Amino acid sequence: MENRPLAREFERLEQFLASAPRPEPSVALRQRVLGSVRSQLRRQRRVSRWRFAMALAAMLLLSLGPLLAAAHAANLVLQRRESLPSLHEVARRIQQLSPDISSEESVRRAMLIRIAAEAGCQAKLSDSYGRVLGYQSPGEML
């Protein structure tokens, strides 16, 4: 019960202070405060960008090691053939190996094989696709 009269007194004091006229801050003070706020916001944005860049670089570096180890363990050495047969030649070979395939389907498959070969994709091609690209034995595909 003793706190109630004290709370009323604080309310009156608060109303008195709120109703009293206050001087406006000077223009120089306003400019200094706004300048400080702007510089702090710029600094925070800059730090957050650098943190993101550093986290991305760390993620790439940390993931590169296991990827290279896995590629080496799977014997996926990137080797590019110097001369690949033309798209029409590959489509013709597909048509010879599988006569039941339409010419449009053989061209589509030839494009897929050609893209995989040009991209350095070293996934094991099936024996027939290896023969289409001109490999003599499955061992030559790698």
Foldseek 3Di string as FASTA:
>chain_A
DVVVVVVVVVVVVVVVVVPDDDDDDDPVVVVVVVVVVVVVVVVVVVVVVVVVVVVVVVVVVVVVVVVVVVCVVVVLDQDADPDWDDLVQLLVLVCVVPVVDDSVVSSVVSVVLVVCRHVSNLDQDPQSSCVSRPDDGSVVSD
